[in-house]
Amino acid sequence: MARPSPRPNTDTTTVSRQILVAGHAIIVPKAPPGLHLAATPIGNLGDITLRALETLAGSDVICCEDTRVTRKLLDRYGITAPLSPYHEHNAAFVRPKILARLAQGESVTLVSDAGTPLISDPGFKLVREACAAGFPVHALPGPSSILAALSVAALPTDRFFFEGFLPAKDGARRNRIHELARIGVTLVLFESGARVQETLRDLADILGARDIAICREMTKLHEDIRRFSLADADTQSAQLETRGEFVLVIGPPSEETGRMSEDQLDALLREQLAHGSVKDAVTTAVELSGHPKREVYARALALARKDEPE
């Protein structure tokens, strides 16, 4: 007895997809069910991983912040998977729909506009609810502006604290920097071009003469990395190109010199004031003492008034 012919496969979810790598089409399988967190380039589109490309192409849907941004990446590699917006403004409405798709066994990939999802981007609540519901969640590591900046900053990397964006309002920003000053490790901050100069001045006033690396437009055409001491923040800030996105890497307090006692600071300031201006005395004292500029400046003015002849 002849065996019946197998039915044609009409399940479109098993159809292979393809990606374009170096001009060659590569067939990739459908991504496995679950939520995939794919890191995308922070600037240079060539920084995407092969695994991320395969997963993007094989997904039932790609959830992204801005479809226009993600579409540029997909077009570069010939990926035609559908896109669906998922950002802070629609997350509460869209999240249940994503969970429903996961419940049907679909593969959903979450990306941010640049870098690793969830790092200063939407996604935490989605991951938390997907895990609580028992759906598989997969991390696809790759580009990260934090790690890229740390690797080129020439500052200690064995321990670091990632703060993200500081508060936009002046008072709240300065209060937060005072709190960060108590953390004795390398600090990593994000900042916008509109506020980077104000932030640099606040960092110099509060943190003192720590070393800093300013990384602008990482991996992009106009990438610019500057390394200097916060004691020179005023001069460096005036010369800074403010267009673009910034990662600030701030070194820990100096372990070699430590922090001068108040008596040592006063003695240093008196010596400097005897031979120069208050401004020059403050600059030197900030570099050598480890005290914040604002504190040193106030102490220098008090000493200058005290030593004035009556």
C-alpha atoms as a PDB file:
ATOM      1  CA  MET A   1       0.000   0.000   0.000  1.00  0.00           C
ATOM      2  CA  ALA A   2       1.404   3.346  -1.032  1.00  0.00           C
ATOM      3  CA  ARG A   3       2.022   5.858   1.704  1.00  0.00           C
ATOM      4  CA  PRO A   4      -0.012   9.085   1.484  1.00  0.00           C
ATOM      5  CA  SER A   5       1.885  12.078   0.202  1.00  0.00           C
ATOM      6  CA  PRO A   6       2.898  14.514   2.944  1.00  0.00           C
ATOM      7  CA  ARG A   7       0.825  17.651   3.180  1.00  0.00           C
ATOM      8  CA  PRO A   8       2.474  20.793   1.915  1.00  0.00           C
ATOM      9  CA  ASN A   9       3.768  22.979   4.744  1.00  0.00           C
ATOM     10  CA  THR A  10       1.497  25.990   4.904  1.00  0.00           C
ATOM     11  CA  ASP A  11       2.845  27.296   8.236  1.00  0.00           C
ATOM     12  CA  THR A  12       4.499  30.547   7.212  1.00  0.00           C
ATOM     13  CA  THR A  13       6.278  30.759  10.556  1.00  0.00           C
ATOM     14  CA  THR A  14       8.710  28.033   9.431  1.00  0.00           C
ATOM     15  CA  VAL A  15       9.728  29.759   6.206  1.00  0.00           C
ATOM     16  CA  SER A  16      13.419  30.610   6.191  1.00  0.00           C
ATOM     17  CA  ARG A  17      14.551  34.235   6.143  1.00  0.00           C
ATOM     18  CA  GLN A  18      17.750  35.747   4.795  1.00  0.00           C
ATOM     19  CA  ILE A  19      20.286  38.461   5.590  1.00  0.00           C
ATOM     20  CA  LEU A  20      22.844  40.208   3.422  1.00  0.00           C
ATOM     21  CA  VAL A  21      26.429  40.042   4.666  1.00  0.00           C
ATOM     22  CA  ALA A  22      29.185  41.540   2.511  1.00  0.00           C
ATOM     23  CA  GLY A  23      26.808  41.451  -0.443  1.00  0.00           C
ATOM     24  CA  HIS A  24      25.990  37.761  -0.021  1.00  0.00           C
ATOM     25  CA  ALA A  25      22.546  36.435   0.885  1.00  0.00           C
ATOM     26  CA  ILE A  26      22.627  34.043   3.844  1.00  0.00           C
ATOM     27  CA  ILE A  27      19.581  31.946   4.706  1.00  0.00           C
ATOM     28  CA  VAL A  28      18.760  31.951   8.427  1.00  0.00           C
ATOM     29  CA  PRO A  29      16.170  29.921  10.353  1.00  0.00           C
ATOM     30  CA  LYS A  30      13.219  31.290  12.245  1.00  0.00           C
ATOM     31  CA  ALA A  31      14.204  32.583  15.671  1.00  0.00           C
ATOM     32  CA  PRO A  32      13.145  30.362  18.583  1.00  0.00           C
ATOM     33  CA  PRO A  33      10.089  31.375  20.619  1.00  0.00           C
ATOM     34  CA  GLY A  34      10.572  33.933  23.366  1.00  0.00           C
ATOM     35  CA  LEU A  35      11.742  37.470  23.944  1.00  0.00           C
ATOM     36  CA  HIS A  36      15.141  38.349  22.455  1.00  0.00           C
ATOM     37  CA  LEU A  37      17.056  41.422  23.655  1.00  0.00           C
ATOM     38  CA  ALA A  38      19.345  42.415  20.794  1.00  0.00           C
ATOM     39  CA  ALA A  39      22.063  45.045  21.101  1.00  0.00           C
ATOM     40  CA  THR A  40      22.297  47.274  18.033  1.00  0.00           C
ATOM     41  CA  PRO A  41      25.091  49.594  16.827  1.00  0.00           C
ATOM     42  CA  ILE A  42      25.647  52.856  18.721  1.00  0.00           C
ATOM     43  CA  GLY A  43      26.768  54.524  15.505  1.00  0.00           C
ATOM     44  CA  ASN A  44      28.640  52.431  12.976  1.00  0.00           C
ATOM     45  CA  LEU A  45      26.168  49.956  11.437  1.00  0.00           C
ATOM     46  CA  GLY A  46      29.001  47.484  10.883  1.00  0.00           C
ATOM     47  CA  ASP A  47      29.160  46.796  14.625  1.00  0.00           C
ATOM     48  CA  ILE A  48      26.095  44.517  14.643  1.00  0.00           C
ATOM     49  CA  THR A  49      26.775  40.871  15.566  1.00  0.00           C
ATOM     50  CA  LEU A  50      25.980  37.983  13.226  1.00  0.00           C
ATOM     51  CA  ARG A  51      23.774  36.397  15.896  1.00  0.00           C
ATOM     52  CA  ALA A  52      21.765  39.621  16.228  1.00  0.00           C
ATOM     53  CA  LEU A  53      21.262  39.769  12.458  1.00  0.00           C
ATOM     54  CA  GLU A  54      20.074  36.163  12.345  1.00  0.00           C
ATOM     55  CA  THR A  55      17.641  36.742  15.202  1.00  0.00           C
ATOM     56  CA  LEU A  56      16.295  39.994  13.746  1.00  0.00           C
ATOM     57  CA  ALA A  57      15.700  38.352  10.383  1.00  0.00           C
ATOM     58  CA  GLY A  58      14.089  35.297  11.958  1.00  0.00           C
ATOM     59  CA  SER A  59      11.751  37.152  14.337  1.00  0.00           C
ATOM     60  CA  ASP A  60       8.001  37.312  13.996  1.00  0.00           C
ATOM     61  CA  VAL A  61       8.171  40.965  15.042  1.00  0.00           C
ATOM     62  CA  ILE A  62      10.828  43.476  16.052  1.00  0.00           C
ATOM     63  CA  CYS A  63       9.817  45.938  18.775  1.00  0.00           C
ATOM     64  CA  CYS A  64      11.782  49.179  18.591  1.00  0.00           C
ATOM     65  CA  GLU A  65      11.743  52.750  19.860  1.00  0.00           C
ATOM     66  CA  ASP A  66      11.715  54.502  16.473  1.00  0.00           C
ATOM     67  CA  THR A  67      10.871  52.446  13.392  1.00  0.00           C
ATOM     68  CA  ARG A  68      12.721  54.940  11.160  1.00  0.00           C
ATOM     69  CA  VAL A  69      15.980  54.385  13.047  1.00  0.00           C
ATOM     70  CA  THR A  70      15.715  50.600  13.140  1.00  0.00           C
ATOM     71  CA  ARG A  71      14.605  50.456   9.499  1.00  0.00           C
ATOM     72  CA  LYS A  72      17.998  51.911   8.449  1.00  0.00           C
ATOM     73  CA  LEU A  73      19.741  48.984  10.125  1.00  0.00           C
ATOM     74  CA  LEU A  74      17.401  46.399   8.629  1.00  0.00           C
ATOM     75  CA  ASP A  75      17.693  47.870   5.132  1.00  0.00           C
ATOM     76  CA  ARG A  76      21.490  47.705   5.381  1.00  0.00           C
ATOM     77  CA  TYR A  77      21.276  43.936   5.860  1.00  0.00           C
ATOM     78  CA  GLY A  78      18.232  43.121   3.744  1.00  0.00           C
ATOM     79  CA  ILE A  79      16.007  42.201   6.691  1.00  0.00           C
ATOM     80  CA  THR A  80      12.252  42.400   6.102  1.00  0.00           C
ATOM     81  CA  ALA A  81      10.832  41.333   9.490  1.00  0.00           C
ATOM     82  CA  PRO A  82       7.926  43.583  10.576  1.00  0.00           C
ATOM     83  CA  LEU A  83       8.534  46.442  12.995  1.00  0.00           C
ATOM     84  CA  SER A  84       6.321  47.541  15.874  1.00  0.00           C
ATOM     85  CA  PRO A  85       6.911  50.690  17.992  1.00  0.00           C
ATOM     86  CA  TYR A  86       7.593  50.129  21.686  1.00  0.00           C
ATOM     87  CA  HIS A  87       8.655  53.188  23.682  1.00  0.00           C
ATOM     88  CA  GLU A  88       7.951  54.971  26.950  1.00  0.00           C
ATOM     89  CA  HIS A  89       4.836  56.689  25.604  1.00  0.00           C
ATOM     90  CA  ASN A  90       3.005  53.560  24.367  1.00  0.00           C
ATOM     91  CA  ALA A  91       4.558  50.831  26.526  1.00  0.00           C
ATOM     92  CA  ALA A  92       1.599  50.382  28.875  1.00  0.00           C
ATOM     93  CA  PHE A  93      -0.728  49.845  25.889  1.00  0.00           C
ATOM     94  CA  VAL A  94       1.604  47.721  23.733  1.00  0.00           C
ATOM     95  CA  ARG A  95       3.161  45.525  26.428  1.00  0.00           C
ATOM     96  CA  PRO A  96       0.073  43.249  26.875  1.00  0.00           C
ATOM     97  CA  LYS A  97      -0.020  42.709  23.112  1.00  0.00           C
ATOM     98  CA  ILE A  98       3.627  41.627  23.105  1.00  0.00           C
ATOM     99  CA  LEU A  99       2.976  39.230  25.984  1.00  0.00           C
ATOM    100  CA  ALA A 100       0.030  37.799  24.069  1.00  0.00           C
ATOM    101  CA  ARG A 101       2.266  37.108  21.073  1.00  0.00           C
ATOM    102  CA  LEU A 102       4.794  35.401  23.336  1.00  0.00           C
ATOM    103  CA  ALA A 103       1.973  33.263  24.721  1.00  0.00           C
ATOM    104  CA  GLN A 104       1.257  32.093  21.149  1.00  0.00           C
ATOM    105  CA  GLY A 105       4.854  30.877  20.800  1.00  0.00           C
ATOM    106  CA  GLU A 106       6.107  33.740  18.655  1.00  0.00           C
ATOM    107  CA  SER A 107       9.624  35.173  18.614  1.00  0.00           C
ATOM    108  CA  VAL A 108       9.765  38.837  19.585  1.00  0.00           C
ATOM    109  CA  THR A 109      12.993  40.834  19.425  1.00  0.00           C
ATOM    110  CA  LEU A 110      13.367  44.046  21.405  1.00  0.00           C
ATOM    111  CA  VAL A 111      15.884  46.669  20.306  1.00  0.00           C
ATOM    112  CA  SER A 112      16.612  50.244  21.306  1.00  0.00           C
ATOM    113  CA  ASP A 113      17.618  52.979  18.890  1.00  0.00           C
ATOM    114  CA  ALA A 114      21.264  52.335  19.774  1.00  0.00           C
ATOM    115  CA  GLY A 115      23.129  50.029  22.111  1.00  0.00           C
ATOM    116  CA  THR A 116      21.798  47.451  24.535  1.00  0.00           C
ATOM    117  CA  PRO A 117      18.070  47.421  25.373  1.00  0.00           C
ATOM    118  CA  LEU A 118      17.022  48.443  28.913  1.00  0.00           C
ATOM    119  CA  ILE A 119      20.168  50.557  29.489  1.00  0.00           C
ATOM    120  CA  SER A 120      18.573  54.011  29.867  1.00  0.00           C
ATOM    121  CA  ASP A 121      15.913  52.750  27.450  1.00  0.00           C
ATOM    122  CA  PRO A 122      12.429  51.148  27.777  1.00  0.00           C
ATOM    123  CA  GLY A 123      12.148  47.427  28.361  1.00  0.00           C
ATOM    124  CA  PHE A 124      12.534  46.608  32.046  1.00  0.00           C
ATOM    125  CA  LYS A 125       8.813  46.107  32.708  1.00  0.00           C
ATOM    126  CA  LEU A 126       8.442  43.977  29.583  1.00  0.00           C
ATOM    127  CA  VAL A 127      11.305  41.707  30.629  1.00  0.00           C
ATOM    128  CA  ARG A 128       9.989  41.480  34.190  1.00  0.00           C
ATOM    129  CA  GLU A 129       6.493  40.495  33.044  1.00  0.00           C
ATOM    130  CA  ALA A 130       7.809  38.054  30.432  1.00  0.00           C
ATOM    131  CA  CYS A 131       9.933  36.329  33.077  1.00  0.00           C
ATOM    132  CA  ALA A 132       7.028  36.259  35.541  1.00  0.00           C
ATOM    133  CA  ALA A 133       4.866  34.587  32.901  1.00  0.00           C
ATOM    134  CA  GLY A 134       7.522  31.941  32.261  1.00  0.00           C
ATOM    135  CA  PHE A 135       8.443  32.978  28.711  1.00  0.00           C
ATOM    136  CA  PRO A 136      12.053  32.441  27.570  1.00  0.00           C
ATOM    137  CA  VAL A 137      14.134  35.642  27.577  1.00  0.00           C
ATOM    138  CA  HIS A 138      17.418  35.666  25.629  1.00  0.00           C
ATOM    139  CA  ALA A 139      20.195  38.293  25.766  1.00  0.00           C
ATOM    140  CA  LEU A 140      22.121  38.993  22.555  1.00  0.00           C
ATOM    141  CA  PRO A 141      25.118  41.031  23.773  1.00  0.00           C
ATOM    142  CA  GLY A 142      26.840  43.539  21.560  1.00  0.00           C
ATOM    143  CA  PRO A 143      27.497  47.276  21.265  1.00  0.00           C
ATOM    144  CA  SER A 144      27.371  49.392  24.429  1.00  0.00           C
ATOM    145  CA  SER A 145      28.378  53.043  24.663  1.00  0.00           C
ATOM    146  CA  ILE A 146      29.220  52.514  28.347  1.00  0.00           C
ATOM    147  CA  LEU A 147      31.805  49.827  27.693  1.00  0.00           C
ATOM    148  CA  ALA A 148      33.091  51.546  24.554  1.00  0.00           C
ATOM    149  CA  ALA A 149      33.748  54.756  26.497  1.00  0.00           C
ATOM    150  CA  LEU A 150      35.343  52.921  29.429  1.00  0.00           C
ATOM    151  CA  SER A 151      37.697  51.074  27.092  1.00  0.00           C
ATOM    152  CA  VAL A 152      39.149  54.260  25.575  1.00  0.00           C
ATOM    153  CA  ALA A 153      38.969  56.620  28.581  1.00  0.00           C
ATOM    154  CA  ALA A 154      42.389  55.594  29.961  1.00  0.00           C
ATOM    155  CA  LEU A 155      40.848  55.555  33.449  1.00  0.00           C
ATOM    156  CA  PRO A 156      40.492  52.700  35.977  1.00  0.00           C
ATOM    157  CA  THR A 157      37.985  50.086  34.783  1.00  0.00           C
ATOM    158  CA  ASP A 158      38.189  47.442  37.511  1.00  0.00           C
ATOM    159  CA  ARG A 159      35.266  49.077  39.337  1.00  0.00           C
ATOM    160  CA  PHE A 160      32.816  51.615  37.943  1.00  0.00           C
ATOM    161  CA  PHE A 161      29.396  53.092  38.675  1.00  0.00           C
ATOM    162  CA  PHE A 162      26.941  53.810  35.864  1.00  0.00           C
ATOM    163  CA  GLU A 163      24.664  56.747  36.652  1.00  0.00           C
ATOM    164  CA  GLY A 164      22.979  57.361  33.307  1.00  0.00           C
ATOM    165  CA  PHE A 165      21.563  60.854  32.814  1.00  0.00           C
ATOM    166  CA  LEU A 166      21.824  63.399  35.629  1.00  0.00           C
ATOM    167  CA  PRO A 167      18.741  65.477  36.509  1.00  0.00           C
ATOM    168  CA  ALA A 168      18.081  68.323  34.073  1.00  0.00           C
ATOM    169  CA  LYS A 169      17.381  70.983  36.715  1.00  0.00           C
ATOM    170  CA  ASP A 170      20.418  72.736  38.179  1.00  0.00           C
ATOM    171  CA  GLY A 171      19.680  72.164  41.861  1.00  0.00           C
ATOM    172  CA  ALA A 172      18.761  68.512  41.489  1.00  0.00           C
ATOM    173  CA  ARG A 173      21.795  67.895  39.279  1.00  0.00           C
ATOM    174  CA  ARG A 174      24.212  69.411  41.797  1.00  0.00           C
ATOM    175  CA  ASN A 175      22.616  67.495  44.664  1.00  0.00           C
ATOM    176  CA  ARG A 176      23.036  64.240  42.761  1.00  0.00           C
ATOM    177  CA  ILE A 177      26.692  65.014  41.983  1.00  0.00           C
ATOM    178  CA  HIS A 178      27.285  65.609  45.714  1.00  0.00           C
ATOM    179  CA  GLU A 179      25.908  62.109  46.320  1.00  0.00           C
ATOM    180  CA  LEU A 180      28.094  60.632  43.568  1.00  0.00           C
ATOM    181  CA  ALA A 181      31.160  62.306  45.100  1.00  0.00           C
ATOM    182  CA  ARG A 182      30.970  59.767  47.932  1.00  0.00           C
ATOM    183  CA  ILE A 183      31.403  56.870  45.489  1.00  0.00           C
ATOM    184  CA  GLY A 184      35.132  56.278  45.203  1.00  0.00           C
ATOM    185  CA  VAL A 185      35.191  54.529  41.818  1.00  0.00           C
ATOM    186  CA  THR A 186      35.106  55.528  38.154  1.00  0.00           C
ATOM    187  CA  LEU A 187      31.797  57.177  37.245  1.00  0.00           C
ATOM    188  CA  VAL A 188      30.038  56.875  33.866  1.00  0.00           C
ATOM    189  CA  LEU A 189      27.397  59.422  32.875  1.00  0.00           C
ATOM    190  CA  PHE A 190      25.276  60.160  29.819  1.00  0.00           C
ATOM    191  CA  GLU A 191      24.686  63.768  28.830  1.00  0.00           C
ATOM    192  CA  SER A 192      23.097  65.740  26.029  1.00  0.00           C
ATOM    193  CA  GLY A 193      24.873  68.422  24.066  1.00  0.00           C
ATOM    194  CA  ALA A 194      22.473  71.045  25.417  1.00  0.00           C
ATOM    195  CA  ARG A 195      23.604  70.481  29.015  1.00  0.00           C
ATOM    196  CA  VAL A 196      27.128  69.098  28.771  1.00  0.00           C
ATOM    197  CA  GLN A 197      28.881  72.422  29.483  1.00  0.00           C
ATOM    198  CA  GLU A 198      26.790  73.137  32.586  1.00  0.00           C
ATOM    199  CA  THR A 199      27.348  69.587  33.794  1.00  0.00           C
ATOM    200  CA  LEU A 200      31.108  69.913  33.367  1.00  0.00           C
ATOM    201  CA  ARG A 201      31.164  73.063  35.478  1.00  0.00           C
ATOM    202  CA  ASP A 202      29.122  71.391  38.214  1.00  0.00           C
ATOM    203  CA  LEU A 203      31.362  68.325  38.165  1.00  0.00           C
ATOM    204  CA  ALA A 204      34.460  70.501  38.501  1.00  0.00           C
ATOM    205  CA  ASP A 205      32.976  72.510  41.380  1.00  0.00           C
ATOM    206  CA  ILE A 206      31.892  69.472  43.354  1.00  0.00           C
ATOM    207  CA  LEU A 207      34.273  66.633  42.484  1.00  0.00           C
ATOM    208  CA  GLY A 208      37.508  68.602  42.362  1.00  0.00           C
ATOM    209  CA  ALA A 209      40.452  67.806  40.116  1.00  0.00           C
ATOM    210  CA  ARG A 210      39.495  64.346  38.957  1.00  0.00           C
ATOM    211  CA  ASP A 211      40.482  63.097  35.513  1.00  0.00           C
ATOM    212  CA  ILE A 212      37.714  62.891  32.936  1.00  0.00           C
ATOM    213  CA  ALA A 213      37.254  61.546  29.414  1.00  0.00           C
ATOM    214  CA  ILE A 214      34.542  63.095  27.276  1.00  0.00           C
ATOM    215  CA  CYS A 215      33.436  60.715  24.536  1.00  0.00           C
ATOM    216  CA  ARG A 216      31.277  62.339  21.864  1.00  0.00           C
ATOM    217  CA  GLU A 217      29.516  60.511  19.010  1.00  0.00           C
ATOM    218  CA  MET A 218      31.110  57.138  19.767  1.00  0.00           C
ATOM    219  CA  THR A 219      31.861  55.035  16.633  1.00  0.00           C
ATOM    220  CA  LYS A 220      30.279  57.681  14.390  1.00  0.00           C
ATOM    221  CA  LEU A 221      31.908  59.768  11.654  1.00  0.00           C
ATOM    222  CA  HIS A 222      32.662  62.701  13.963  1.00  0.00           C
ATOM    223  CA  GLU A 223      33.764  60.705  17.019  1.00  0.00           C
ATOM    224  CA  ASP A 224      35.732  62.891  19.419  1.00  0.00           C
ATOM    225  CA  ILE A 225      37.414  61.804  22.654  1.00  0.00           C
ATOM    226  CA  ARG A 226      38.998  64.325  25.019  1.00  0.00           C
ATOM    227  CA  ARG A 227      40.882  63.544  28.216  1.00  0.00           C
ATOM    228  CA  PHE A 228      41.747  66.208  30.790  1.00  0.00           C
ATOM    229  CA  SER A 229      41.444  67.180  34.444  1.00  0.00           C
ATOM    230  CA  LEU A 230      38.247  68.708  35.762  1.00  0.00           C
ATOM    231  CA  ALA A 231      40.501  71.486  37.059  1.00  0.00           C
ATOM    232  CA  ASP A 232      40.641  72.615  33.414  1.00  0.00           C
ATOM    233  CA  ALA A 233      36.897  72.221  32.840  1.00  0.00           C
ATOM    234  CA  ASP A 234      36.268  75.913  32.126  1.00  0.00           C
ATOM    235  CA  THR A 235      38.837  76.063  29.329  1.00  0.00           C
ATOM    236  CA  GLN A 236      37.926  72.686  27.870  1.00  0.00           C
ATOM    237  CA  SER A 237      34.198  73.397  28.041  1.00  0.00           C
ATOM    238  CA  ALA A 238      34.582  76.577  26.018  1.00  0.00           C
ATOM    239  CA  GLN A 239      36.318  74.605  23.241  1.00  0.00           C
ATOM    240  CA  LEU A 240      33.853  71.704  23.236  1.00  0.00           C
ATOM    241  CA  GLU A 241      31.671  70.898  20.243  1.00  0.00           C
ATOM    242  CA  THR A 242      28.246  70.432  21.815  1.00  0.00           C
ATOM    243  CA  ARG A 243      26.431  68.724  18.949  1.00  0.00           C
ATOM    244  CA  GLY A 244      25.876  65.023  19.425  1.00  0.00           C
ATOM    245  CA  GLU A 245      25.607  62.511  22.260  1.00  0.00           C
ATOM    246  CA  PHE A 246      28.077  62.318  25.134  1.00  0.00           C
ATOM    247  CA  VAL A 247      29.407  59.701  27.525  1.00  0.00           C
ATOM    248  CA  LEU A 248      31.397  61.165  30.433  1.00  0.00           C
ATOM    249  CA  VAL A 249      33.876  58.900  32.222  1.00  0.00           C
ATOM    250  CA  ILE A 250      35.204  60.379  35.473  1.00  0.00           C
ATOM    251  CA  GLY A 251      38.104  58.803  37.305  1.00  0.00           C
ATOM    252  CA  PRO A 252      38.055  58.089  41.056  1.00  0.00           C
ATOM    253  CA  PRO A 253      39.739  60.396  43.560  1.00  0.00           C
ATOM    254  CA  SER A 254      43.522  60.147  43.385  1.00  0.00           C
ATOM    255  CA  GLU A 255      44.864  57.453  45.709  1.00  0.00           C
ATOM    256  CA  GLU A 256      48.434  58.701  45.418  1.00  0.00           C
ATOM    257  CA  THR A 257      47.954  62.209  46.739  1.00  0.00           C
ATOM    258  CA  GLY A 258      44.840  61.632  48.812  1.00  0.00           C
ATOM    259  CA  ARG A 259      42.952  64.589  50.190  1.00  0.00           C
ATOM    260  CA  MET A 260      44.731  67.377  52.090  1.00  0.00           C
ATOM    261  CA  SER A 261      43.641  68.307  55.563  1.00  0.00           C
ATOM    262  CA  GLU A 262      42.102  71.748  56.012  1.00  0.00           C
ATOM    263  CA  ASP A 263      45.317  72.999  57.665  1.00  0.00           C
ATOM    264  CA  GLN A 264      47.366  71.738  54.729  1.00  0.00           C
ATOM    265  CA  LEU A 265      44.961  73.374  52.286  1.00  0.00           C
ATOM    266  CA  ASP A 266      45.174  76.714  54.145  1.00  0.00           C
ATOM    267  CA  ALA A 267      48.957  76.570  54.147  1.00  0.00           C
ATOM    268  CA  LEU A 268      49.034  75.867  50.426  1.00  0.00           C
ATOM    269  CA  LEU A 269      46.606  78.692  49.664  1.00  0.00           C
ATOM    270  CA  ARG A 270      48.560  81.196  51.769  1.00  0.00           C
ATOM    271  CA  GLU A 271      51.726  80.265  49.922  1.00  0.00           C
ATOM    272  CA  GLN A 272      50.047  80.661  46.524  1.00  0.00           C
ATOM    273  CA  LEU A 273      48.274  83.906  47.482  1.00  0.00           C
ATOM    274  CA  ALA A 274      51.565  85.411  48.512  1.00  0.00           C
ATOM    275  CA  HIS A 275      52.862  85.096  44.961  1.00  0.00           C
ATOM    276  CA  GLY A 276      49.804  85.340  42.749  1.00  0.00           C
ATOM    277  CA  SER A 277      46.102  86.009  42.277  1.00  0.00           C
ATOM    278  CA  VAL A 278      43.181  84.269  43.948  1.00  0.00           C
ATOM    279  CA  LYS A 279      42.305  82.590  40.636  1.00  0.00           C
ATOM    280  CA  ASP A 280      45.796  81.151  40.185  1.00  0.00           C
ATOM    281  CA  ALA A 281      45.965  80.082  43.832  1.00  0.00           C
ATOM    282  CA  VAL A 282      42.641  78.254  43.525  1.00  0.00           C
ATOM    283  CA  THR A 283      43.690  76.480  40.326  1.00  0.00           C
ATOM    284  CA  THR A 284      46.876  75.189  41.910  1.00  0.00           C
ATOM    285  CA  ALA A 285      45.193  74.199  45.168  1.00  0.00           C
ATOM    286  CA  VAL A 286      42.415  72.279  43.393  1.00  0.00           C
ATOM    287  CA  GLU A 287      44.997  70.290  41.425  1.00  0.00           C
ATOM    288  CA  LEU A 288      47.075  69.410  44.481  1.00  0.00           C
ATOM    289  CA  SER A 289      44.578  69.118  47.316  1.00  0.00           C
ATOM    290  CA  GLY A 290      41.781  66.923  46.003  1.00  0.00           C
ATOM    291  CA  HIS A 291      39.210  69.372  47.394  1.00  0.00           C
ATOM    292  CA  PRO A 292      36.313  70.609  45.228  1.00  0.00           C
ATOM    293  CA  LYS A 293      36.839  73.912  43.424  1.00  0.00           C
ATOM    294  CA  ARG A 294      33.900  75.615  45.130  1.00  0.00           C
ATOM    295  CA  GLU A 295      35.273  74.765  48.581  1.00  0.00           C
ATOM    296  CA  VAL A 296      38.803  75.883  47.690  1.00  0.00           C
ATOM    297  CA  TYR A 297      37.573  79.150  46.176  1.00  0.00           C
ATOM    298  CA  ALA A 298      35.538  80.038  49.263  1.00  0.00           C
ATOM    299  CA  ARG A 299      38.507  79.247  51.518  1.00  0.00           C
ATOM    300  CA  ALA A 300      40.870  81.333  49.348  1.00  0.00           C
ATOM    301  CA  LEU A 301      38.559  84.378  49.517  1.00  0.00           C
ATOM    302  CA  ALA A 302      38.290  84.040  53.290  1.00  0.00           C
ATOM    303  CA  LEU A 303      42.067  83.855  53.684  1.00  0.00           C
ATOM    304  CA  ALA A 304      42.633  86.764  51.293  1.00  0.00           C
ATOM    305  CA  ARG A 305      40.277  88.981  53.310  1.00  0.00           C
ATOM    306  CA  LYS A 306      41.803  87.856  56.612  1.00  0.00           C
ATOM    307  CA  ASP A 307      45.328  88.653  55.469  1.00  0.00           C
ATOM    308  CA  GLU A 308      44.458  92.090  54.066  1.00  0.00           C
ATOM    309  CA  PRO A 309      46.154  94.944  56.003  1.00  0.00           C
ATOM    310  CA  GLU A 310      43.728  96.974  58.152  1.00  0.00           C
END
